[in-house]
């Protein structure tokens, strides 16, 4: 956070890391999202209950598991390839500021 200019956002590898970032930023005297935005990944249940609810990406775990089982069982015989795409969904909350 000592870079010039300072980063405007942190995209954490997962929600737990983002929670740690929120804590660290607070200890540095920075305000989320006024000074810096924070985004997590996974949408674990606690993140919507934090003092600053965390913006995150929700992973479609049920879809991923279903696709994996279909591929393992070989039940999806119509598919020409074995690639499946399961896109996450952005869940905007109060830890991100509008683009400036």
PDB file of N, CA and C in Angstrom:
ATOM      1  N   UNK A   1       0.817  -1.196   0.000  1.00  0.00           N
ATOM      2  CA  UNK A   1       0.000   0.000   0.000  1.00  0.00           C
ATOM      3  C   UNK A   1       0.860   1.259   0.000  1.00  0.00           C
ATOM      4  N   UNK A   2       2.163   1.076  -0.069  1.00  0.00           N
ATOM      5  CA  UNK A   2       3.069   2.228  -0.081  1.00  0.00           C
ATOM      6  C   UNK A   2       3.449   2.658  -1.500  1.00  0.00           C
ATOM      7  N   UNK A   3       2.892   2.007  -2.501  1.00  0.00           N
ATOM      8  CA  UNK A   3       3.182   2.378  -3.887  1.00  0.00           C
ATOM      9  C   UNK A   3       2.611   3.753  -4.197  1.00  0.00           C
ATOM     10  N   UNK A   4       3.232   4.417  -5.160  1.00  0.00           N
ATOM     11  CA  UNK A   4       2.713   5.685  -5.647  1.00  0.00           C
ATOM     12  C   UNK A   4       2.488   5.556  -7.150  1.00  0.00           C
ATOM     13  N   UNK A   5       1.279   5.664  -7.628  1.00  0.00           N
ATOM     14  CA  UNK A   5       0.056   5.844  -6.856  1.00  0.00           C
ATOM     15  C   UNK A   5      -0.342   4.542  -6.153  1.00  0.00           C
ATOM     16  N   UNK A   6      -1.087   4.680  -5.068  1.00  0.00           N
ATOM     17  CA  UNK A   6      -1.549   3.523  -4.300  1.00  0.00           C
ATOM     18  C   UNK A   6      -2.596   2.755  -5.112  1.00  0.00           C
ATOM     19  N   UNK A   7      -2.603   1.428  -5.013  1.00  0.00           N
ATOM     20  CA  UNK A   7      -3.639   0.647  -5.711  1.00  0.00           C
ATOM     21  C   UNK A   7      -5.036   1.108  -5.300  1.00  0.00           C
ATOM     22  N   UNK A   8      -5.969   0.972  -6.207  1.00  0.00           N
ATOM     23  CA  UNK A   8      -7.349   1.377  -5.923  1.00  0.00           C
ATOM     24  C   UNK A   8      -8.221   0.191  -5.546  1.00  0.00           C
ATOM     25  N   UNK A   9      -7.704  -1.031  -5.731  1.00  0.00           N
ATOM     26  CA  UNK A   9      -8.512  -2.210  -5.424  1.00  0.00           C
ATOM     27  C   UNK A   9      -7.622  -3.412  -5.115  1.00  0.00           C
ATOM     28  N   UNK A  10      -8.194  -4.327  -4.335  1.00  0.00           N
ATOM     29  CA  UNK A  10      -7.575  -5.617  -4.049  1.00  0.00           C
ATOM     30  C   UNK A  10      -8.568  -6.681  -4.483  1.00  0.00           C
ATOM     31  N   UNK A  11      -8.117  -7.615  -5.332  1.00  0.00           N
ATOM     32  CA  UNK A  11      -8.930  -8.777  -5.702  1.00  0.00           C
ATOM     33  C   UNK A  11      -8.251  -9.974  -5.066  1.00  0.00           C
ATOM     34  N   UNK A  12      -8.850 -10.476  -4.007  1.00  0.00           N
ATOM     35  CA  UNK A  12      -8.245 -11.553  -3.236  1.00  0.00           C
ATOM     36  C   UNK A  12      -8.544 -12.916  -3.859  1.00  0.00           C
ATOM     37  N   UNK A  13      -7.683 -13.866  -3.584  1.00  0.00           N
ATOM     38  CA  UNK A  13      -7.800 -15.214  -4.129  1.00  0.00           C
ATOM     39  C   UNK A  13      -9.042 -15.936  -3.601  1.00  0.00           C
ATOM     40  N   UNK A  14      -9.502 -15.550  -2.408  1.00  0.00           N
ATOM     41  CA  UNK A  14     -10.731 -16.121  -1.859  1.00  0.00           C
ATOM     42  C   UNK A  14     -11.281 -15.152  -0.803  1.00  0.00           C
ATOM     43  N   UNK A  15     -12.464 -15.469  -0.289  1.00  0.00           N
ATOM     44  CA  UNK A  15     -13.099 -14.574   0.678  1.00  0.00           C
ATOM     45  C   UNK A  15     -12.327 -14.486   1.990  1.00  0.00           C
ATOM     46  N   UNK A  16     -11.754 -15.594   2.438  1.00  0.00           N
ATOM     47  CA  UNK A  16     -10.987 -15.547   3.684  1.00  0.00           C
ATOM     48  C   UNK A  16      -9.805 -14.595   3.574  1.00  0.00           C
ATOM     49  N   UNK A  17      -9.126 -14.620   2.450  1.00  0.00           N
ATOM     50  CA  UNK A  17      -8.010 -13.702   2.232  1.00  0.00           C
ATOM     51  C   UNK A  17      -8.507 -12.267   2.147  1.00  0.00           C
ATOM     52  N   UNK A  18      -9.667 -12.064   1.530  1.00  0.00           N
ATOM     53  CA  UNK A  18     -10.249 -10.720   1.445  1.00  0.00           C
ATOM     54  C   UNK A  18     -10.604 -10.196   2.834  1.00  0.00           C
ATOM     55  N   UNK A  19     -11.105 -11.073   3.718  1.00  0.00           N
ATOM     56  CA  UNK A  19     -11.407 -10.665   5.091  1.00  0.00           C
ATOM     57  C   UNK A  19     -10.121 -10.216   5.778  1.00  0.00           C
ATOM     58  N   UNK A  20      -9.031 -10.946   5.566  1.00  0.00           N
ATOM     59  CA  UNK A  20      -7.735 -10.541   6.104  1.00  0.00           C
ATOM     60  C   UNK A  20      -7.285  -9.207   5.545  1.00  0.00           C
ATOM     61  N   UNK A  21      -7.524  -8.994   4.250  1.00  0.00           N
ATOM     62  CA  UNK A  21      -7.168  -7.712   3.633  1.00  0.00           C
ATOM     63  C   UNK A  21      -7.971  -6.574   4.251  1.00  0.00           C
ATOM     64  N   UNK A  22      -9.262  -6.797   4.473  1.00  0.00           N
ATOM     65  CA  UNK A  22     -10.092  -5.769   5.114  1.00  0.00           C
ATOM     66  C   UNK A  22      -9.517  -5.391   6.474  1.00  0.00           C
ATOM     67  N   UNK A  23      -9.123  -6.385   7.236  1.00  0.00           N
ATOM     68  CA  UNK A  23      -8.538  -6.138   8.560  1.00  0.00           C
ATOM     69  C   UNK A  23      -7.230  -5.368   8.447  1.00  0.00           C
ATOM     70  N   UNK A  24      -6.364  -5.800   7.553  1.00  0.00           N
ATOM     71  CA  UNK A  24      -5.077  -5.132   7.366  1.00  0.00           C
ATOM     72  C   UNK A  24      -5.227  -3.700   6.891  1.00  0.00           C
ATOM     73  N   UNK A  25      -6.154  -3.462   5.990  1.00  0.00           N
ATOM     74  CA  UNK A  25      -6.378  -2.111   5.490  1.00  0.00           C
ATOM     75  C   UNK A  25      -6.890  -1.199   6.598  1.00  0.00           C
ATOM     76  N   UNK A  26      -7.759  -1.738   7.452  1.00  0.00           N
ATOM     77  CA  UNK A  26      -8.264  -0.960   8.587  1.00  0.00           C
ATOM     78  C   UNK A  26      -7.122  -0.590   9.527  1.00  0.00           C
ATOM     79  N   UNK A  27      -6.217  -1.546   9.784  1.00  0.00           N
ATOM     80  CA  UNK A  27      -5.067  -1.271  10.654  1.00  0.00           C
ATOM     81  C   UNK A  27      -4.152  -0.203  10.074  1.00  0.00           C
ATOM     82  N   UNK A  28      -4.143  -0.095   8.733  1.00  0.00           N
ATOM     83  CA  UNK A  28      -3.333   0.937   8.071  1.00  0.00           C
ATOM     84  C   UNK A  28      -4.051   2.289   8.043  1.00  0.00           C
ATOM     85  N   UNK A  29      -5.276   2.330   8.560  1.00  0.00           N
ATOM     86  CA  UNK A  29      -6.034   3.576   8.577  1.00  0.00           C
ATOM     87  C   UNK A  29      -6.751   3.872   7.276  1.00  0.00           C
ATOM     88  N   UNK A  30      -6.872   2.868   6.402  1.00  0.00           N
ATOM     89  CA  UNK A  30      -7.563   3.062   5.124  1.00  0.00           C
ATOM     90  C   UNK A  30      -9.022   2.664   5.261  1.00  0.00           C
ATOM     91  N   UNK A  31      -9.865   3.338   4.523  1.00  0.00           N
ATOM     92  CA  UNK A  31     -11.299   3.089   4.554  1.00  0.00           C
ATOM     93  C   UNK A  31     -11.731   2.333   3.299  1.00  0.00           C
ATOM     94  N   UNK A  32     -12.527   1.283   3.507  1.00  0.00           N
ATOM     95  CA  UNK A  32     -13.072   0.494   2.395  1.00  0.00           C
ATOM     96  C   UNK A  32     -14.548   0.843   2.281  1.00  0.00           C
ATOM     97  N   UNK A  33     -15.028   1.297   1.141  1.00  0.00           N
ATOM     98  CA  UNK A  33     -14.384   1.399  -0.159  1.00  0.00           C
ATOM     99  C   UNK A  33     -13.885   2.799  -0.519  1.00  0.00           C
ATOM    100  N   UNK A  34     -13.949   3.752   0.410  1.00  0.00           N
ATOM    101  CA  UNK A  34     -13.574   5.124   0.065  1.00  0.00           C
ATOM    102  C   UNK A  34     -12.136   5.233  -0.417  1.00  0.00           C
ATOM    103  N   UNK A  35     -11.189   4.554   0.263  1.00  0.00           N
ATOM    104  CA  UNK A  35      -9.783   4.613  -0.129  1.00  0.00           C
ATOM    105  C   UNK A  35      -9.392   3.487  -1.071  1.00  0.00           C
ATOM    106  N   UNK A  36      -9.978   2.320  -0.875  1.00  0.00           N
ATOM    107  CA  UNK A  36      -9.618   1.154  -1.673  1.00  0.00           C
ATOM    108  C   UNK A  36     -10.783   0.164  -1.674  1.00  0.00           C
ATOM    109  N   UNK A  37     -11.026  -0.453  -2.811  1.00  0.00           N
ATOM    110  CA  UNK A  37     -12.072  -1.468  -2.940  1.00  0.00           C
ATOM    111  C   UNK A  37     -11.469  -2.843  -2.687  1.00  0.00           C
ATOM    112  N   UNK A  38     -12.303  -3.763  -2.187  1.00  0.00           N
ATOM    113  CA  UNK A  38     -11.861  -5.134  -1.934  1.00  0.00           C
ATOM    114  C   UNK A  38     -12.907  -6.097  -2.490  1.00  0.00           C
ATOM    115  N   UNK A  39     -12.419  -7.109  -3.223  1.00  0.00           N
ATOM    116  CA  UNK A  39     -13.290  -8.144  -3.797  1.00  0.00           C
ATOM    117  C   UNK A  39     -12.736  -9.503  -3.407  1.00  0.00           C
ATOM    118  N   UNK A  40     -13.633 -10.394  -3.009  1.00  0.00           N
ATOM    119  CA  UNK A  40     -13.250 -11.763  -2.671  1.00  0.00           C
ATOM    120  C   UNK A  40     -13.725 -12.742  -3.722  1.00  0.00           C
ATOM    121  N   UNK A  41     -13.652 -14.028  -3.384  1.00  0.00           N
ATOM    122  CA  UNK A  41     -14.046 -15.073  -4.324  1.00  0.00           C
ATOM    123  C   UNK A  41     -14.570 -16.268  -3.537  1.00  0.00           C
ATOM    124  N   UNK A  42     -15.757 -16.713  -3.798  1.00  0.00           N
ATOM    125  CA  UNK A  42     -16.430 -17.897  -3.248  1.00  0.00           C
ATOM    126  C   UNK A  42     -17.778 -17.580  -2.638  1.00  0.00           C
ATOM    127  N   UNK A  43     -18.005 -16.380  -2.124  1.00  0.00           N
ATOM    128  CA  UNK A  43     -19.261 -15.986  -1.482  1.00  0.00           C
ATOM    129  C   UNK A  43     -19.592 -16.881  -0.295  1.00  0.00           C
ATOM    130  N   UNK A  44     -18.649 -16.980   0.643  1.00  0.00           N
ATOM    131  CA  UNK A  44     -18.923 -17.742   1.860  1.00  0.00           C
ATOM    132  C   UNK A  44     -19.961 -16.971   2.683  1.00  0.00           C
ATOM    133  N   UNK A  45     -20.763 -17.656   3.495  1.00  0.00           N
ATOM    134  CA  UNK A  45     -21.896 -17.010   4.165  1.00  0.00           C
ATOM    135  C   UNK A  45     -21.566 -15.784   5.011  1.00  0.00           C
ATOM    136  N   UNK A  46     -20.437 -15.745   5.664  1.00  0.00           N
ATOM    137  CA  UNK A  46     -20.139 -14.643   6.590  1.00  0.00           C
ATOM    138  C   UNK A  46     -19.934 -13.302   5.885  1.00  0.00           C
ATOM    139  N   UNK A  47     -19.536 -13.292   4.606  1.00  0.00           N
ATOM    140  CA  UNK A  47     -19.117 -12.033   3.980  1.00  0.00           C
ATOM    141  C   UNK A  47     -20.229 -11.002   3.845  1.00  0.00           C
ATOM    142  N   UNK A  48     -21.471 -11.441   3.822  1.00  0.00           N
ATOM    143  CA  UNK A  48     -22.562 -10.455   3.739  1.00  0.00           C
ATOM    144  C   UNK A  48     -22.898  -9.878   5.111  1.00  0.00           C
ATOM    145  N   UNK A  49     -22.307 -10.424   6.179  1.00  0.00           N
ATOM    146  CA  UNK A  49     -22.573  -9.962   7.536  1.00  0.00           C
ATOM    147  C   UNK A  49     -21.422  -9.168   8.144  1.00  0.00           C
ATOM    148  N   UNK A  50     -20.372  -8.928   7.378  1.00  0.00           N
ATOM    149  CA  UNK A  50     -19.232  -8.159   7.876  1.00  0.00           C
ATOM    150  C   UNK A  50     -19.630  -6.695   8.062  1.00  0.00           C
ATOM    151  N   UNK A  51     -18.883  -5.931   8.878  1.00  0.00           N
ATOM    152  CA  UNK A  51     -19.188  -4.498   9.019  1.00  0.00           C
ATOM    153  C   UNK A  51     -19.247  -3.776   7.671  1.00  0.00           C
ATOM    154  N   UNK A  52     -18.356  -4.145   6.760  1.00  0.00           N
ATOM    155  CA  UNK A  52     -18.444  -3.699   5.363  1.00  0.00           C
ATOM    156  C   UNK A  52     -18.680  -4.964   4.540  1.00  0.00           C
ATOM    157  N   UNK A  53     -19.944  -5.225   4.147  1.00  0.00           N
ATOM    158  CA  UNK A  53     -20.230  -6.441   3.388  1.00  0.00           C
ATOM    159  C   UNK A  53     -19.348  -6.539   2.140  1.00  0.00           C
ATOM    160  N   UNK A  54     -18.801  -7.726   1.923  1.00  0.00           N
ATOM    161  CA  UNK A  54     -17.781  -7.944   0.904  1.00  0.00           C
ATOM    162  C   UNK A  54     -18.366  -8.241  -0.470  1.00  0.00           C
ATOM    163  N   UNK A  55     -17.932  -7.483  -1.464  1.00  0.00           N
ATOM    164  CA  UNK A  55     -18.212  -7.822  -2.854  1.00  0.00           C
ATOM    165  C   UNK A  55     -17.427  -9.088  -3.168  1.00  0.00           C
ATOM    166  N   UNK A  56     -18.058 -10.023  -3.873  1.00  0.00           N
ATOM    167  CA  UNK A  56     -17.402 -11.305  -4.125  1.00  0.00           C
ATOM    168  C   UNK A  56     -17.912 -11.921  -5.412  1.00  0.00           C
ATOM    169  N   UNK A  57     -17.281 -12.997  -5.799  1.00  0.00           N
ATOM    170  CA  UNK A  57     -17.750 -13.790  -6.936  1.00  0.00           C
ATOM    171  C   UNK A  57     -18.293 -15.101  -6.397  1.00  0.00           C
ATOM    172  N   UNK A  58     -19.530 -15.413  -6.771  1.00  0.00           N
ATOM    173  CA  UNK A  58     -20.162 -16.657  -6.339  1.00  0.00           C
ATOM    174  C   UNK A  58     -19.846 -17.741  -7.362  1.00  0.00           C
ATOM    175  N   UNK A  59     -19.300 -18.829  -6.870  1.00  0.00           N
ATOM    176  CA  UNK A  59     -18.913 -19.951  -7.713  1.00  0.00           C
ATOM    177  C   UNK A  59     -20.076 -20.946  -7.773  1.00  0.00           C
ATOM    178  N   UNK A  60     -20.474 -21.383  -8.977  1.00  0.00           N
ATOM    179  CA  UNK A  60     -21.587 -22.335  -9.090  1.00  0.00           C
ATOM    180  C   UNK A  60     -21.132 -23.766  -8.774  1.00  0.00           C
ATOM    181  N   UNK A  61     -20.864 -24.040  -7.491  1.00  0.00           N
ATOM    182  CA  UNK A  61     -20.308 -25.339  -7.100  1.00  0.00           C
ATOM    183  C   UNK A  61     -21.212 -26.501  -7.479  1.00  0.00           C
ATOM    184  N   UNK A  62     -22.533 -26.317  -7.400  1.00  0.00           N
ATOM    185  CA  UNK A  62     -23.440 -27.399  -7.780  1.00  0.00           C
ATOM    186  C   UNK A  62     -23.301 -27.737  -9.265  1.00  0.00           C
ATOM    187  N   UNK A  63     -23.153 -26.721 -10.097  1.00  0.00           N
ATOM    188  CA  UNK A  63     -22.975 -26.939 -11.533  1.00  0.00           C
ATOM    189  C   UNK A  63     -21.625 -27.595 -11.825  1.00  0.00           C
ATOM    190  N   UNK A  64     -20.581 -27.155 -11.142  1.00  0.00           N
ATOM    191  CA  UNK A  64     -19.253 -27.741 -11.325  1.00  0.00           C
ATOM    192  C   UNK A  64     -19.270 -29.216 -10.926  1.00  0.00           C
ATOM    193  N   UNK A  65     -19.881 -29.519  -9.789  1.00  0.00           N
ATOM    194  CA  UNK A  65     -19.961 -30.907  -9.324  1.00  0.00           C
ATOM    195  C   UNK A  65     -20.770 -31.766 -10.286  1.00  0.00           C
ATOM    196  N   UNK A  66     -21.879 -31.244 -10.767  1.00  0.00           N
ATOM    197  CA  UNK A  66     -22.716 -31.985 -11.706  1.00  0.00           C
ATOM    198  C   UNK A  66     -21.956 -32.277 -13.004  1.00  0.00           C
ATOM    199  N   UNK A  67     -21.267 -31.269 -13.521  1.00  0.00           N
ATOM    200  CA  UNK A  67     -20.467 -31.468 -14.737  1.00  0.00           C
ATOM    201  C   UNK A  67     -19.372 -32.501 -14.520  1.00  0.00           C
ATOM    202  N   UNK A  68     -18.722 -32.433 -13.358  1.00  0.00           N
ATOM    203  CA  UNK A  68     -17.651 -33.382 -13.056  1.00  0.00           C
ATOM    204  C   UNK A  68     -18.196 -34.807 -13.002  1.00  0.00           C
ATOM    205  N   UNK A  69     -19.329 -34.988 -12.353  1.00  0.00           N
ATOM    206  CA  UNK A  69     -19.925 -36.329 -12.269  1.00  0.00           C
ATOM    207  C   UNK A  69     -20.341 -36.843 -13.642  1.00  0.00           C
ATOM    208  N   UNK A  70     -20.925 -35.966 -14.464  1.00  0.00           N
ATOM    209  CA  UNK A  70     -21.301 -36.367 -15.829  1.00  0.00           C
ATOM    210  C   UNK A  70     -20.081 -36.799 -16.630  1.00  0.00           C
ATOM    211  N   UNK A  71     -18.988 -36.050 -16.501  1.00  0.00           N
ATOM    212  CA  UNK A  71     -17.770 -36.394 -17.237  1.00  0.00           C
ATOM    213  C   UNK A  71     -17.185 -37.716 -16.736  1.00  0.00           C
ATOM    214  N   UNK A  72     -17.181 -37.899 -15.430  1.00  0.00           N
ATOM    215  CA  UNK A  72     -16.645 -39.136 -14.870  1.00  0.00           C
ATOM    216  C   UNK A  72     -17.491 -40.357 -15.243  1.00  0.00           C
ATOM    217  N   UNK A  73     -18.800 -40.169 -15.228  1.00  0.00           N
ATOM    218  CA  UNK A  73     -19.705 -41.276 -15.520  1.00  0.00           C
ATOM    219  C   UNK A  73     -19.859 -41.509 -17.022  1.00  0.00           C
ATOM    220  N   UNK A  74     -19.474 -40.538 -17.819  1.00  0.00           N
ATOM    221  CA  UNK A  74     -19.613 -40.669 -19.265  1.00  0.00           C
ATOM    222  C   UNK A  74     -21.052 -40.585 -19.727  1.00  0.00           C
ATOM    223  N   UNK A  75     -21.916 -39.916 -18.941  1.00  0.00           N
ATOM    224  CA  UNK A  75     -23.331 -39.828 -19.296  1.00  0.00           C
ATOM    225  C   UNK A  75     -23.628 -38.761 -20.338  1.00  0.00           C
ATOM    226  N   UNK A  76     -22.706 -37.856 -20.551  1.00  0.00           N
ATOM    227  CA  UNK A  76     -22.915 -36.777 -21.528  1.00  0.00           C
ATOM    228  C   UNK A  76     -22.290 -37.176 -22.863  1.00  0.00           C
ATOM    229  N   UNK A  77     -22.902 -38.115 -23.529  1.00  0.00           N
ATOM    230  CA  UNK A  77     -22.335 -38.677 -24.759  1.00  0.00           C
ATOM    231  C   UNK A  77     -22.519 -37.774 -25.976  1.00  0.00           C
ATOM    232  N   UNK A  78     -23.364 -36.766 -25.876  1.00  0.00           N
ATOM    233  CA  UNK A  78     -23.594 -35.867 -27.003  1.00  0.00           C
ATOM    234  C   UNK A  78     -22.481 -34.837 -27.160  1.00  0.00           C
ATOM    235  N   UNK A  79     -21.724 -34.621 -26.133  1.00  0.00           N
ATOM    236  CA  UNK A  79     -20.663 -33.607 -26.179  1.00  0.00           C
ATOM    237  C   UNK A  79     -19.494 -34.089 -27.021  1.00  0.00           C
ATOM    238  N   UNK A  80     -18.990 -33.187 -27.860  1.00  0.00           N
ATOM    239  CA  UNK A  80     -17.836 -33.503 -28.700  1.00  0.00           C
ATOM    240  C   UNK A  80     -16.519 -33.388 -27.937  1.00  0.00           C
ATOM    241  N   UNK A  81     -16.526 -32.663 -26.868  1.00  0.00           N
ATOM    242  CA  UNK A  81     -15.301 -32.488 -26.100  1.00  0.00           C
ATOM    243  C   UNK A  81     -15.619 -32.649 -24.620  1.00  0.00           C
ATOM    244  N   UNK A  82     -14.590 -32.556 -23.814  1.00  0.00           N
ATOM    245  CA  UNK A  82     -14.772 -32.772 -22.384  1.00  0.00           C
ATOM    246  C   UNK A  82     -14.581 -31.475 -21.591  1.00  0.00           C
ATOM    247  N   UNK A  83     -14.722 -30.342 -22.247  1.00  0.00           N
ATOM    248  CA  UNK A  83     -14.564 -29.058 -21.579  1.00  0.00           C
ATOM    249  C   UNK A  83     -15.933 -28.515 -21.180  1.00  0.00           C
ATOM    250  N   UNK A  84     -16.040 -28.077 -19.936  1.00  0.00           N
ATOM    251  CA  UNK A  84     -17.263 -27.461 -19.441  1.00  0.00           C
ATOM    252  C   UNK A  84     -16.878 -26.118 -18.826  1.00  0.00           C
ATOM    253  N   UNK A  85     -17.715 -25.137 -19.009  1.00  0.00           N
ATOM    254  CA  UNK A  85     -17.460 -23.812 -18.458  1.00  0.00           C
ATOM    255  C   UNK A  85     -18.551 -23.490 -17.448  1.00  0.00           C
ATOM    256  N   UNK A  86     -18.128 -23.126 -16.258  1.00  0.00           N
ATOM    257  CA  UNK A  86     -19.045 -22.709 -15.198  1.00  0.00           C
ATOM    258  C   UNK A  86     -18.591 -21.342 -14.719  1.00  0.00           C
ATOM    259  N   UNK A  87     -19.266 -20.314 -15.177  1.00  0.00           N
ATOM    260  CA  UNK A  87     -18.850 -18.941 -14.883  1.00  0.00           C
ATOM    261  C   UNK A  87     -19.348 -18.493 -13.515  1.00  0.00           C
ATOM    262  N   UNK A  88     -18.495 -17.807 -12.751  1.00  0.00           N
ATOM    263  CA  UNK A  88     -18.939 -17.238 -11.473  1.00  0.00           C
ATOM    264  C   UNK A  88     -19.833 -16.023 -11.712  1.00  0.00           C
ATOM    265  N   UNK A  89     -20.554 -15.638 -10.674  1.00  0.00           N
ATOM    266  CA  UNK A  89     -21.454 -14.485 -10.729  1.00  0.00           C
ATOM    267  C   UNK A  89     -20.955 -13.420  -9.762  1.00  0.00           C
ATOM    268  N   UNK A  90     -20.851 -12.191 -10.225  1.00  0.00           N
ATOM    269  CA  UNK A  90     -20.449 -11.087  -9.356  1.00  0.00           C
ATOM    270  C   UNK A  90     -21.586 -10.749  -8.399  1.00  0.00           C
ATOM    271  N   UNK A  91     -21.256 -10.681  -7.110  1.00  0.00           N
ATOM    272  CA  UNK A  91     -22.217 -10.296  -6.078  1.00  0.00           C
ATOM    273  C   UNK A  91     -21.735  -8.963  -5.487  1.00  0.00           C
ATOM    274  N   UNK A  92     -22.221  -7.838  -6.035  1.00  0.00           N
ATOM    275  CA  UNK A  92     -21.755  -6.532  -5.554  1.00  0.00           C
ATOM    276  C   UNK A  92     -22.318  -6.212  -4.167  1.00  0.00           C
ATOM    277  N   UNK A  93     -21.421  -5.782  -3.295  1.00  0.00           N
ATOM    278  CA  UNK A  93     -21.833  -5.343  -1.962  1.00  0.00           C
ATOM    279  C   UNK A  93     -21.095  -4.041  -1.668  1.00  0.00           C
ATOM    280  N   UNK A  94     -20.923  -3.696  -0.415  1.00  0.00           N
ATOM    281  CA  UNK A  94     -20.431  -2.359  -0.052  1.00  0.00           C
ATOM    282  C   UNK A  94     -18.913  -2.213   0.014  1.00  0.00           C
ATOM    283  N   UNK A  95     -18.143  -3.251  -0.342  1.00  0.00           N
ATOM    284  CA  UNK A  95     -16.684  -3.133  -0.247  1.00  0.00           C
ATOM    285  C   UNK A  95     -16.051  -2.606  -1.531  1.00  0.00           C
ATOM    286  N   UNK A  96     -16.875  -2.228  -2.491  1.00  0.00           N
ATOM    287  CA  UNK A  96     -16.338  -1.689  -3.752  1.00  0.00           C
ATOM    288  C   UNK A  96     -16.985  -0.323  -4.052  1.00  0.00           C
ATOM    289  N   UNK A  97     -16.155   0.561  -4.553  1.00  0.00           N
ATOM    290  CA  UNK A  97     -16.612   1.899  -4.930  1.00  0.00           C
ATOM    291  C   UNK A  97     -16.884   1.930  -6.422  1.00  0.00           C
ATOM    292  N   UNK A  98     -17.717   2.839  -6.864  1.00  0.00           N
ATOM    293  CA  UNK A  98     -17.939   3.009  -8.304  1.00  0.00           C
ATOM    294  C   UNK A  98     -16.626   3.382  -8.998  1.00  0.00           C
ATOM    295  N   UNK A  99     -16.520   3.029 -10.254  1.00  0.00           N
ATOM    296  CA  UNK A  99     -15.324   3.380 -11.038  1.00  0.00           C
ATOM    297  C   UNK A  99     -15.227   4.893 -11.138  1.00  0.00           C
ATOM    298  N   UNK A 100     -14.014   5.395 -10.883  1.00  0.00           N
ATOM    299  CA  UNK A 100     -13.819   6.852 -10.926  1.00  0.00           C
ATOM    300  C   UNK A 100     -13.171   7.264 -12.209  1.00  0.00           C
TER     301      UNK A 100
END
